[in-house]
Amino acid sequence: MSYFRITLLRSGIGLTKRTKGVLRALGLRTRMKTVFLPVSPEAAGQIMRVKELVSVAEVEKELTREELKAERRPDPGFFIEKAVPR
Protein backbone atom coordinates (compact mmCIF):
# COMPACT_ATOMS: atom_id res chain seq x y z
CA MET A 1 0.00 0.00 0.00
CA SER A 2 1.31 3.47 -0.89
CA TYR A 3 1.25 6.51 1.33
CA PHE A 4 1.60 10.24 0.84
CA ARG A 5 4.37 11.64 3.02
CA ILE A 6 3.25 15.22 3.67
CA THR A 7 5.44 17.79 5.45
CA LEU A 8 4.21 21.28 6.30
CA LEU A 9 6.92 23.72 5.16
CA ARG A 10 5.11 27.05 5.53
CA SER A 11 2.78 28.23 8.26
CA GLY A 12 -0.95 28.72 7.81
CA ILE A 13 -0.91 32.08 9.63
CA GLY A 14 -2.84 34.74 7.73
CA LEU A 15 -4.61 32.28 5.46
CA THR A 16 -8.34 31.78 5.14
CA LYS A 17 -10.27 29.63 7.59
CA ARG A 18 -10.97 27.16 4.81
CA THR A 19 -7.26 26.65 4.13
CA LYS A 20 -6.50 26.35 7.85
CA GLY A 21 -9.27 23.78 8.08
CA VAL A 22 -7.68 21.71 5.31
CA LEU A 23 -4.34 21.78 7.15
CA ARG A 24 -6.07 20.69 10.35
CA ALA A 25 -7.91 17.89 8.49
CA LEU A 26 -4.59 16.64 7.12
CA GLY A 27 -3.19 16.59 10.67
CA LEU A 28 -0.66 19.36 10.04
CA ARG A 29 -0.58 21.78 12.95
CA THR A 30 3.03 23.00 13.20
CA ARG A 31 5.79 23.64 10.68
CA MET A 32 8.03 20.71 9.75
CA LYS A 33 5.39 18.23 10.98
CA THR A 34 5.22 15.11 8.82
CA VAL A 35 2.16 12.91 8.41
CA PHE A 36 1.49 9.81 6.34
CA LEU A 37 -1.86 9.36 4.61
CA PRO A 38 -2.98 6.47 2.39
CA VAL A 39 -3.09 7.38 -1.30
CA SER A 40 -6.69 8.29 -2.14
CA PRO A 41 -8.54 10.85 -4.25
CA GLU A 42 -9.77 12.61 -1.09
CA ALA A 43 -6.25 13.04 0.28
CA ALA A 44 -5.00 14.21 -3.13
CA GLY A 45 -7.74 16.85 -3.27
CA GLN A 46 -6.83 18.16 0.17
CA ILE A 47 -3.16 18.27 -0.78
CA MET A 48 -4.00 20.27 -3.92
CA ARG A 49 -5.71 22.91 -1.75
CA VAL A 50 -2.48 23.53 0.20
CA LYS A 51 0.15 22.56 -2.40
CA GLU A 52 2.08 25.81 -1.90
CA LEU A 53 2.56 25.10 1.81
CA VAL A 54 3.56 21.44 1.84
CA SER A 55 6.10 19.00 0.48
CA VAL A 56 4.64 15.71 -0.79
CA ALA A 57 6.30 12.40 -1.64
CA GLU A 58 4.85 8.97 -2.30
CA VAL A 59 6.38 6.25 -0.13
CA GLU A 60 5.78 2.52 0.26
CA LYS A 61 5.52 2.36 4.07
CA GLU A 62 4.77 4.58 7.02
CA LEU A 63 7.74 5.57 9.16
CA THR A 64 7.60 5.78 12.94
CA ARG A 65 8.56 8.88 14.86
CA GLU A 66 11.91 7.30 15.79
CA GLU A 67 12.66 6.44 12.15
CA LEU A 68 11.90 10.02 11.07
CA LYS A 69 14.20 11.35 13.79
CA ALA A 70 17.01 8.99 12.76
CA GLU A 71 16.55 10.03 9.12
CA ARG A 72 17.11 13.70 10.02
CA ARG A 73 20.18 13.00 12.17
CA PRO A 74 23.35 14.05 10.31
CA ASP A 75 26.32 11.76 9.73
CA PRO A 76 28.82 12.14 12.63
CA GLY A 77 31.68 12.74 10.18
CA PHE A 78 34.00 10.07 11.57
CA PHE A 79 34.21 6.29 11.95
CA ILE A 80 35.76 4.22 14.75
CA GLU A 81 37.57 1.37 12.99
CA LYS A 82 38.57 -0.60 16.08
CA ALA A 83 38.73 0.01 19.77
CA VAL A 84 42.15 0.05 21.42
CA PRO A 85 42.26 -2.11 24.59
CA ARG A 86 43.36 -0.24 27.70
PDB file of N, CA and C in Angstrom:
ATOM      1  N   MET A   1       0.842  -1.178   0.000  1.00  0.00           N
ATOM      2  CA  MET A   1       0.000   0.000   0.000  1.00  0.00           C
ATOM      3  C   MET A   1       0.886   1.240   0.000  1.00  0.00           C
ATOM      4  N   SER A   2       0.542   2.228  -0.793  1.00  0.00           N
ATOM      5  CA  SER A   2       1.308   3.467  -0.886  1.00  0.00           C
ATOM      6  C   SER A   2       0.744   4.521   0.056  1.00  0.00           C
ATOM      7  N   TYR A   3       1.635   5.409   0.451  1.00  0.00           N
ATOM      8  CA  TYR A   3       1.252   6.507   1.333  1.00  0.00           C
ATOM      9  C   TYR A   3       1.785   7.818   0.779  1.00  0.00           C
ATOM     10  N   PHE A   4       1.076   8.906   1.069  1.00  0.00           N
ATOM     11  CA  PHE A   4       1.599  10.244   0.839  1.00  0.00           C
ATOM     12  C   PHE A   4       2.368  10.637   2.089  1.00  0.00           C
ATOM     13  N   ARG A   5       3.599  11.077   1.913  1.00  0.00           N
ATOM     14  CA  ARG A   5       4.371  11.639   3.018  1.00  0.00           C
ATOM     15  C   ARG A   5       4.267  13.152   2.863  1.00  0.00           C
ATOM     16  N   ILE A   6       3.551  13.799   3.782  1.00  0.00           N
ATOM     17  CA  ILE A   6       3.247  15.220   3.670  1.00  0.00           C
ATOM     18  C   ILE A   6       3.942  15.960   4.804  1.00  0.00           C
ATOM     19  N   THR A   7       4.740  16.970   4.465  1.00  0.00           N
ATOM     20  CA  THR A   7       5.437  17.785   5.450  1.00  0.00           C
ATOM     21  C   THR A   7       5.024  19.234   5.262  1.00  0.00           C
ATOM     22  N   LEU A   8       4.605  19.873   6.347  1.00  0.00           N
ATOM     23  CA  LEU A   8       4.210  21.281   6.298  1.00  0.00           C
ATOM     24  C   LEU A   8       5.466  22.143   6.333  1.00  0.00           C
ATOM     25  N   LEU A   9       5.724  22.891   5.263  1.00  0.00           N
ATOM     26  CA  LEU A   9       6.918  23.722   5.162  1.00  0.00           C
ATOM     27  C   LEU A   9       6.649  25.177   5.526  1.00  0.00           C
ATOM     28  N   ARG A  10       5.445  25.657   5.248  1.00  0.00           N
ATOM     29  CA  ARG A  10       5.105  27.051   5.529  1.00  0.00           C
ATOM     30  C   ARG A  10       3.896  27.096   6.438  1.00  0.00           C
ATOM     31  N   SER A  11       3.847  28.098   7.272  1.00  0.00           N
ATOM     32  CA  SER A  11       2.780  28.232   8.259  1.00  0.00           C
ATOM     33  C   SER A  11       1.464  28.640   7.607  1.00  0.00           C
ATOM     34  N   GLY A  12       0.371  28.338   8.288  1.00  0.00           N
ATOM     35  CA  GLY A  12      -0.951  28.720   7.812  1.00  0.00           C
ATOM     36  C   GLY A  12      -1.415  30.051   8.365  1.00  0.00           C
ATOM     37  N   ILE A  13      -0.541  30.789   9.047  1.00  0.00           N
ATOM     38  CA  ILE A  13      -0.911  32.077   9.633  1.00  0.00           C
ATOM     39  C   ILE A  13      -1.287  33.047   8.517  1.00  0.00           C
ATOM     40  N   GLY A  14      -2.401  33.735   8.693  1.00  0.00           N
ATOM     41  CA  GLY A  14      -2.844  34.736   7.733  1.00  0.00           C
ATOM     42  C   GLY A  14      -3.632  34.171   6.571  1.00  0.00           C
ATOM     43  N   LEU A  15      -3.848  32.880   6.547  1.00  0.00           N
ATOM     44  CA  LEU A  15      -4.613  32.277   5.460  1.00  0.00           C
ATOM     45  C   LEU A  15      -6.082  32.180   5.851  1.00  0.00           C
ATOM     46  N   THR A  16      -6.908  31.849   4.885  1.00  0.00           N
ATOM     47  CA  THR A  16      -8.343  31.777   5.136  1.00  0.00           C
ATOM     48  C   THR A  16      -8.668  30.615   6.071  1.00  0.00           C
ATOM     49  N   LYS A  17      -9.840  30.690   6.681  1.00  0.00           N
ATOM     50  CA  LYS A  17     -10.274  29.627   7.588  1.00  0.00           C
ATOM     51  C   LYS A  17     -10.405  28.304   6.849  1.00  0.00           C
ATOM     52  N   ARG A  18     -10.808  28.377   5.603  1.00  0.00           N
ATOM     53  CA  ARG A  18     -10.966  27.156   4.813  1.00  0.00           C
ATOM     54  C   ARG A  18      -9.622  26.452   4.621  1.00  0.00           C
ATOM     55  N   THR A  19      -8.588  27.222   4.315  1.00  0.00           N
ATOM     56  CA  THR A  19      -7.258  26.648   4.128  1.00  0.00           C
ATOM     57  C   THR A  19      -6.720  26.101   5.444  1.00  0.00           C
ATOM     58  N   LYS A  20      -6.933  26.834   6.534  1.00  0.00           N
ATOM     59  CA  LYS A  20      -6.503  26.354   7.850  1.00  0.00           C
ATOM     60  C   LYS A  20      -7.236  25.069   8.213  1.00  0.00           C
ATOM     61  N   GLY A  21      -8.499  24.985   7.822  1.00  0.00           N
ATOM     62  CA  GLY A  21      -9.271  23.776   8.080  1.00  0.00           C
ATOM     63  C   GLY A  21      -8.729  22.578   7.326  1.00  0.00           C
ATOM     64  N   VAL A  22      -8.273  22.804   6.100  1.00  0.00           N
ATOM     65  CA  VAL A  22      -7.682  21.713   5.311  1.00  0.00           C
ATOM     66  C   VAL A  22      -6.395  21.231   5.980  1.00  0.00           C
ATOM     67  N   LEU A  23      -5.568  22.168   6.455  1.00  0.00           N
ATOM     68  CA  LEU A  23      -4.341  21.777   7.150  1.00  0.00           C
ATOM     69  C   LEU A  23      -4.661  20.962   8.396  1.00  0.00           C
ATOM     70  N   ARG A  24      -5.674  21.395   9.129  1.00  0.00           N
ATOM     71  CA  ARG A  24      -6.073  20.686  10.345  1.00  0.00           C
ATOM     72  C   ARG A  24      -6.601  19.290   9.999  1.00  0.00           C
ATOM     73  N   ALA A  25      -7.362  19.187   8.911  1.00  0.00           N
ATOM     74  CA  ALA A  25      -7.906  17.891   8.493  1.00  0.00           C
ATOM     75  C   ALA A  25      -6.792  16.932   8.068  1.00  0.00           C
ATOM     76  N   LEU A  26      -5.727  17.473   7.505  1.00  0.00           N
ATOM     77  CA  LEU A  26      -4.585  16.642   7.122  1.00  0.00           C
ATOM     78  C   LEU A  26      -3.743  16.240   8.330  1.00  0.00           C
ATOM     79  N   GLY A  27      -3.959  16.902   9.475  1.00  0.00           N
ATOM     80  CA  GLY A  27      -3.187  16.591  10.673  1.00  0.00           C
ATOM     81  C   GLY A  27      -1.919  17.406  10.788  1.00  0.00           C
ATOM     82  N   LEU A  28      -1.839  18.497  10.036  1.00  0.00           N
ATOM     83  CA  LEU A  28      -0.655  19.356  10.044  1.00  0.00           C
ATOM     84  C   LEU A  28      -0.942  20.585  10.893  1.00  0.00           C
ATOM     85  N   ARG A  29      -0.316  20.669  12.048  1.00  0.00           N
ATOM     86  CA  ARG A  29      -0.581  21.779  12.953  1.00  0.00           C
ATOM     87  C   ARG A  29       0.619  22.705  13.100  1.00  0.00           C
ATOM     88  N   THR A  30       1.837  22.170  13.049  1.00  0.00           N
ATOM     89  CA  THR A  30       3.027  22.997  13.198  1.00  0.00           C
ATOM     90  C   THR A  30       3.954  22.773  12.004  1.00  0.00           C
ATOM     91  N   ARG A  31       4.831  23.754  11.778  1.00  0.00           N
ATOM     92  CA  ARG A  31       5.788  23.641  10.681  1.00  0.00           C
ATOM     93  C   ARG A  31       6.700  22.443  10.890  1.00  0.00           C
ATOM     94  N   MET A  32       7.127  21.854   9.796  1.00  0.00           N
ATOM     95  CA  MET A  32       8.029  20.709   9.747  1.00  0.00           C
ATOM     96  C   MET A  32       7.411  19.437  10.326  1.00  0.00           C
ATOM     97  N   LYS A  33       6.111  19.433  10.540  1.00  0.00           N
ATOM     98  CA  LYS A  33       5.390  18.235  10.983  1.00  0.00           C
ATOM     99  C   LYS A  33       5.169  17.356   9.762  1.00  0.00           C
ATOM    100  N   THR A  34       5.403  16.057   9.913  1.00  0.00           N
ATOM    101  CA  THR A  34       5.224  15.106   8.821  1.00  0.00           C
ATOM    102  C   THR A  34       4.130  14.120   9.177  1.00  0.00           C
ATOM    103  N   VAL A  35       3.217  13.900   8.233  1.00  0.00           N
ATOM    104  CA  VAL A  35       2.157  12.909   8.411  1.00  0.00           C
ATOM    105  C   VAL A  35       2.155  11.982   7.202  1.00  0.00           C
ATOM    106  N   PHE A  36       1.621  10.794   7.407  1.00  0.00           N
ATOM    107  CA  PHE A  36       1.486   9.807   6.339  1.00  0.00           C
ATOM    108  C   PHE A  36       0.011   9.509   6.160  1.00  0.00           C
ATOM    109  N   LEU A  37      -0.475   9.655   4.927  1.00  0.00           N
ATOM    110  CA  LEU A  37      -1.864   9.356   4.610  1.00  0.00           C
ATOM    111  C   LEU A  37      -1.906   8.352   3.466  1.00  0.00           C
ATOM    112  N   PRO A  38      -2.842   7.401   3.508  1.00  0.00           N
ATOM    113  CA  PRO A  38      -2.977   6.468   2.386  1.00  0.00           C
ATOM    114  C   PRO A  38      -3.324   7.223   1.099  1.00  0.00           C
ATOM    115  N   VAL A  39      -2.811   6.749  -0.011  1.00  0.00           N
ATOM    116  CA  VAL A  39      -3.091   7.381  -1.299  1.00  0.00           C
ATOM    117  C   VAL A  39      -4.569   7.191  -1.618  1.00  0.00           C
ATOM    118  N   SER A  40      -5.264   8.322  -1.798  1.00  0.00           N
ATOM    119  CA  SER A  40      -6.689   8.292  -2.139  1.00  0.00           C
ATOM    120  C   SER A  40      -7.036   9.595  -2.842  1.00  0.00           C
ATOM    121  N   PRO A  41      -8.125   9.612  -3.593  1.00  0.00           N
ATOM    122  CA  PRO A  41      -8.536  10.854  -4.255  1.00  0.00           C
ATOM    123  C   PRO A  41      -8.870  11.962  -3.257  1.00  0.00           C
ATOM    124  N   GLU A  42      -9.428  11.602  -2.098  1.00  0.00           N
ATOM    125  CA  GLU A  42      -9.772  12.606  -1.089  1.00  0.00           C
ATOM    126  C   GLU A  42      -8.514  13.285  -0.549  1.00  0.00           C
ATOM    127  N   ALA A  43      -7.501  12.482  -0.225  1.00  0.00           N
ATOM    128  CA  ALA A  43      -6.249  13.044   0.281  1.00  0.00           C
ATOM    129  C   ALA A  43      -5.574  13.896  -0.793  1.00  0.00           C
ATOM    130  N   ALA A  44      -5.614  13.447  -2.042  1.00  0.00           N
ATOM    131  CA  ALA A  44      -5.002  14.207  -3.134  1.00  0.00           C
ATOM    132  C   ALA A  44      -5.691  15.558  -3.309  1.00  0.00           C
ATOM    133  N   GLY A  45      -7.007  15.592  -3.164  1.00  0.00           N
ATOM    134  CA  GLY A  45      -7.741  16.850  -3.270  1.00  0.00           C
ATOM    135  C   GLY A  45      -7.379  17.817  -2.164  1.00  0.00           C
ATOM    136  N   GLN A  46      -7.224  17.298  -0.946  1.00  0.00           N
ATOM    137  CA  GLN A  46      -6.833  18.161   0.166  1.00  0.00           C
ATOM    138  C   GLN A  46      -5.421  18.690  -0.036  1.00  0.00           C
ATOM    139  N   ILE A  47      -4.535  17.842  -0.534  1.00  0.00           N
ATOM    140  CA  ILE A  47      -3.159  18.273  -0.783  1.00  0.00           C
ATOM    141  C   ILE A  47      -3.132  19.370  -1.845  1.00  0.00           C
ATOM    142  N   MET A  48      -3.958  19.249  -2.865  1.00  0.00           N
ATOM    143  CA  MET A  48      -4.000  20.272  -3.917  1.00  0.00           C
ATOM    144  C   MET A  48      -4.437  21.629  -3.372  1.00  0.00           C
ATOM    145  N   ARG A  49      -5.270  21.645  -2.332  1.00  0.00           N
ATOM    146  CA  ARG A  49      -5.714  22.911  -1.746  1.00  0.00           C
ATOM    147  C   ARG A  49      -4.570  23.650  -1.054  1.00  0.00           C
ATOM    148  N   VAL A  50      -3.572  22.911  -0.560  1.00  0.00           N
ATOM    149  CA  VAL A  50      -2.478  23.531   0.196  1.00  0.00           C
ATOM    150  C   VAL A  50      -1.116  23.217  -0.425  1.00  0.00           C
ATOM    151  N   LYS A  51      -1.081  23.007  -1.729  1.00  0.00           N
ATOM    152  CA  LYS A  51       0.147  22.558  -2.400  1.00  0.00           C
ATOM    153  C   LYS A  51       1.302  23.538  -2.260  1.00  0.00           C
ATOM    154  N   GLU A  52       1.023  24.819  -2.041  1.00  0.00           N
ATOM    155  CA  GLU A  52       2.085  25.813  -1.903  1.00  0.00           C
ATOM    156  C   GLU A  52       2.738  25.753  -0.525  1.00  0.00           C
ATOM    157  N   LEU A  53       2.090  25.105   0.430  1.00  0.00           N
ATOM    158  CA  LEU A  53       2.563  25.101   1.811  1.00  0.00           C
ATOM    159  C   LEU A  53       3.256  23.807   2.208  1.00  0.00           C
ATOM    160  N   VAL A  54       3.096  22.759   1.419  1.00  0.00           N
ATOM    161  CA  VAL A  54       3.556  21.435   1.839  1.00  0.00           C
ATOM    162  C   VAL A  54       4.537  20.833   0.838  1.00  0.00           C
ATOM    163  N   SER A  55       5.258  19.832   1.320  1.00  0.00           N
ATOM    164  CA  SER A  55       6.104  18.996   0.476  1.00  0.00           C
ATOM    165  C   SER A  55       5.494  17.606   0.493  1.00  0.00           C
ATOM    166  N   VAL A  56       5.323  17.002  -0.691  1.00  0.00           N
ATOM    167  CA  VAL A  56       4.642  15.710  -0.789  1.00  0.00           C
ATOM    168  C   VAL A  56       5.538  14.717  -1.521  1.00  0.00           C
ATOM    169  N   ALA A  57       5.592  13.504  -0.983  1.00  0.00           N
ATOM    170  CA  ALA A  57       6.301  12.404  -1.636  1.00  0.00           C
ATOM    171  C   ALA A  57       5.472  11.145  -1.455  1.00  0.00           C
ATOM    172  N   GLU A  58       5.555  10.245  -2.420  1.00  0.00           N
ATOM    173  CA  GLU A  58       4.852   8.974  -2.305  1.00  0.00           C
ATOM    174  C   GLU A  58       5.847   7.922  -1.826  1.00  0.00           C
ATOM    175  N   VAL A  59       5.504   7.252  -0.723  1.00  0.00           N
ATOM    176  CA  VAL A  59       6.381   6.248  -0.128  1.00  0.00           C
ATOM    177  C   VAL A  59       5.628   4.929   0.012  1.00  0.00           C
ATOM    178  N   GLU A  60       6.381   3.855   0.176  1.00  0.00           N
ATOM    179  CA  GLU A  60       5.776   2.525   0.263  1.00  0.00           C
ATOM    180  C   GLU A  60       5.278   2.178   1.657  1.00  0.00           C
ATOM    181  N   LYS A  61       5.951   2.702   2.709  1.00  0.00           N
ATOM    182  CA  LYS A  61       5.518   2.362   4.066  1.00  0.00           C
ATOM    183  C   LYS A  61       5.578   3.582   4.966  1.00  0.00           C
ATOM    184  N   GLU A  62       4.784   3.521   6.028  1.00  0.00           N
ATOM    185  CA  GLU A  62       4.767   4.583   7.023  1.00  0.00           C
ATOM    186  C   GLU A  62       5.996   4.455   7.910  1.00  0.00           C
ATOM    187  N   LEU A  63       6.602   5.583   8.258  1.00  0.00           N
ATOM    188  CA  LEU A  63       7.741   5.573   9.162  1.00  0.00           C
ATOM    189  C   LEU A  63       7.282   5.975  10.558  1.00  0.00           C
ATOM    190  N   THR A  64       7.921   5.404  11.566  1.00  0.00           N
ATOM    191  CA  THR A  64       7.598   5.776  12.940  1.00  0.00           C
ATOM    192  C   THR A  64       8.297   7.082  13.285  1.00  0.00           C
ATOM    193  N   ARG A  65       7.943   7.638  14.420  1.00  0.00           N
ATOM    194  CA  ARG A  65       8.561   8.883  14.865  1.00  0.00           C
ATOM    195  C   ARG A  65      10.068   8.706  15.047  1.00  0.00           C
ATOM    196  N   GLU A  66      10.484   7.564  15.582  1.00  0.00           N
ATOM    197  CA  GLU A  66      11.912   7.302  15.790  1.00  0.00           C
ATOM    198  C   GLU A  66      12.655   7.194  14.457  1.00  0.00           C
ATOM    199  N   GLU A  67      12.031   6.562  13.469  1.00  0.00           N
ATOM    200  CA  GLU A  67      12.661   6.436  12.153  1.00  0.00           C
ATOM    201  C   GLU A  67      12.798   7.797  11.474  1.00  0.00           C
ATOM    202  N   LEU A  68      11.807   8.666  11.637  1.00  0.00           N
ATOM    203  CA  LEU A  68      11.900  10.015  11.074  1.00  0.00           C
ATOM    204  C   LEU A  68      13.026  10.797  11.739  1.00  0.00           C
ATOM    205  N   LYS A  69      13.150  10.649  13.058  1.00  0.00           N
ATOM    206  CA  LYS A  69      14.198  11.354  13.793  1.00  0.00           C
ATOM    207  C   LYS A  69      15.579  10.860  13.362  1.00  0.00           C
ATOM    208  N   ALA A  70      15.730   9.548  13.199  1.00  0.00           N
ATOM    209  CA  ALA A  70      17.012   8.985  12.764  1.00  0.00           C
ATOM    210  C   ALA A  70      17.350   9.424  11.340  1.00  0.00           C
ATOM    211  N   GLU A  71      16.343   9.593  10.503  1.00  0.00           N
ATOM    212  CA  GLU A  71      16.554  10.031   9.121  1.00  0.00           C
ATOM    213  C   GLU A  71      17.089  11.460   9.064  1.00  0.00           C
ATOM    214  N   ARG A  72      16.669  12.305   9.996  1.00  0.00           N
ATOM    215  CA  ARG A  72      17.112  13.701  10.020  1.00  0.00           C
ATOM    216  C   ARG A  72      18.481  13.879  10.662  1.00  0.00           C
ATOM    217  N   ARG A  73      18.918  12.883  11.449  1.00  0.00           N
ATOM    218  CA  ARG A  73      20.181  13.000  12.165  1.00  0.00           C
ATOM    219  C   ARG A  73      21.335  13.007  11.165  1.00  0.00           C
ATOM    220  N   PRO A  74      22.244  13.989  11.267  1.00  0.00           N
ATOM    221  CA  PRO A  74      23.354  14.049  10.312  1.00  0.00           C
ATOM    222  C   PRO A  74      24.404  12.977  10.604  1.00  0.00           C
ATOM    223  N   ASP A  75      25.218  12.695   9.593  1.00  0.00           N
ATOM    224  CA  ASP A  75      26.320  11.763   9.727  1.00  0.00           C
ATOM    225  C   ASP A  75      27.332  12.356  10.706  1.00  0.00           C
ATOM    226  N   PRO A  76      27.899  11.569  11.640  1.00  0.00           N
ATOM    227  CA  PRO A  76      28.819  12.140  12.628  1.00  0.00           C
ATOM    228  C   PRO A  76      30.118  12.663  12.022  1.00  0.00           C
ATOM    229  N   GLY A  77      30.492  12.222  10.829  1.00  0.00           N
ATOM    230  CA  GLY A  77      31.683  12.744  10.183  1.00  0.00           C
ATOM    231  C   GLY A  77      32.942  11.942  10.468  1.00  0.00           C
ATOM    232  N   PHE A  78      32.834  10.897  11.275  1.00  0.00           N
ATOM    233  CA  PHE A  78      34.000  10.071  11.568  1.00  0.00           C
ATOM    234  C   PHE A  78      33.542   8.634  11.810  1.00  0.00           C
ATOM    235  N   PHE A  79      34.491   7.703  11.714  1.00  0.00           N
ATOM    236  CA  PHE A  79      34.211   6.293  11.953  1.00  0.00           C
ATOM    237  C   PHE A  79      35.251   5.739  12.919  1.00  0.00           C
ATOM    238  N   ILE A  80      34.837   4.907  13.850  1.00  0.00           N
ATOM    239  CA  ILE A  80      35.758   4.220  14.750  1.00  0.00           C
ATOM    240  C   ILE A  80      36.019   2.849  14.137  1.00  0.00           C
ATOM    241  N   GLU A  81      37.253   2.620  13.676  1.00  0.00           N
ATOM    242  CA  GLU A  81      37.572   1.371  12.995  1.00  0.00           C
ATOM    243  C   GLU A  81      37.754   0.220  13.964  1.00  0.00           C
ATOM    244  N   LYS A  82      38.474   0.437  15.051  1.00  0.00           N
ATOM    245  CA  LYS A  82      38.568  -0.600  16.079  1.00  0.00           C
ATOM    246  C   LYS A  82      38.933   0.064  17.398  1.00  0.00           C
ATOM    247  N   ALA A  83      38.453  -0.533  18.446  1.00  0.00           N
ATOM    248  CA  ALA A  83      38.729   0.008  19.771  1.00  0.00           C
ATOM    249  C   ALA A  83      40.094  -0.480  20.248  1.00  0.00           C
ATOM    250  N   VAL A  84      40.836   0.390  20.886  1.00  0.00           N
ATOM    251  CA  VAL A  84      42.148   0.047  21.422  1.00  0.00           C
ATOM    252  C   VAL A  84      41.951  -0.435  22.857  1.00  0.00           C
ATOM    253  N   PRO A  85      42.423  -1.649  23.201  1.00  0.00           N
ATOM    254  CA  PRO A  85      42.262  -2.111  24.592  1.00  0.00           C
ATOM    255  C   PRO A  85      43.120  -1.282  25.536  1.00  0.00           C
ATOM    256  N   ARG A  86      42.612  -1.035  26.709  1.00  0.00           N
ATOM    257  CA  ARG A  86      43.359  -0.239  27.697  1.00  0.00           C
ATOM    258  C   ARG A  86      43.906  -1.104  28.776  1.00  0.00           C
TER     259      ARG A  86
END
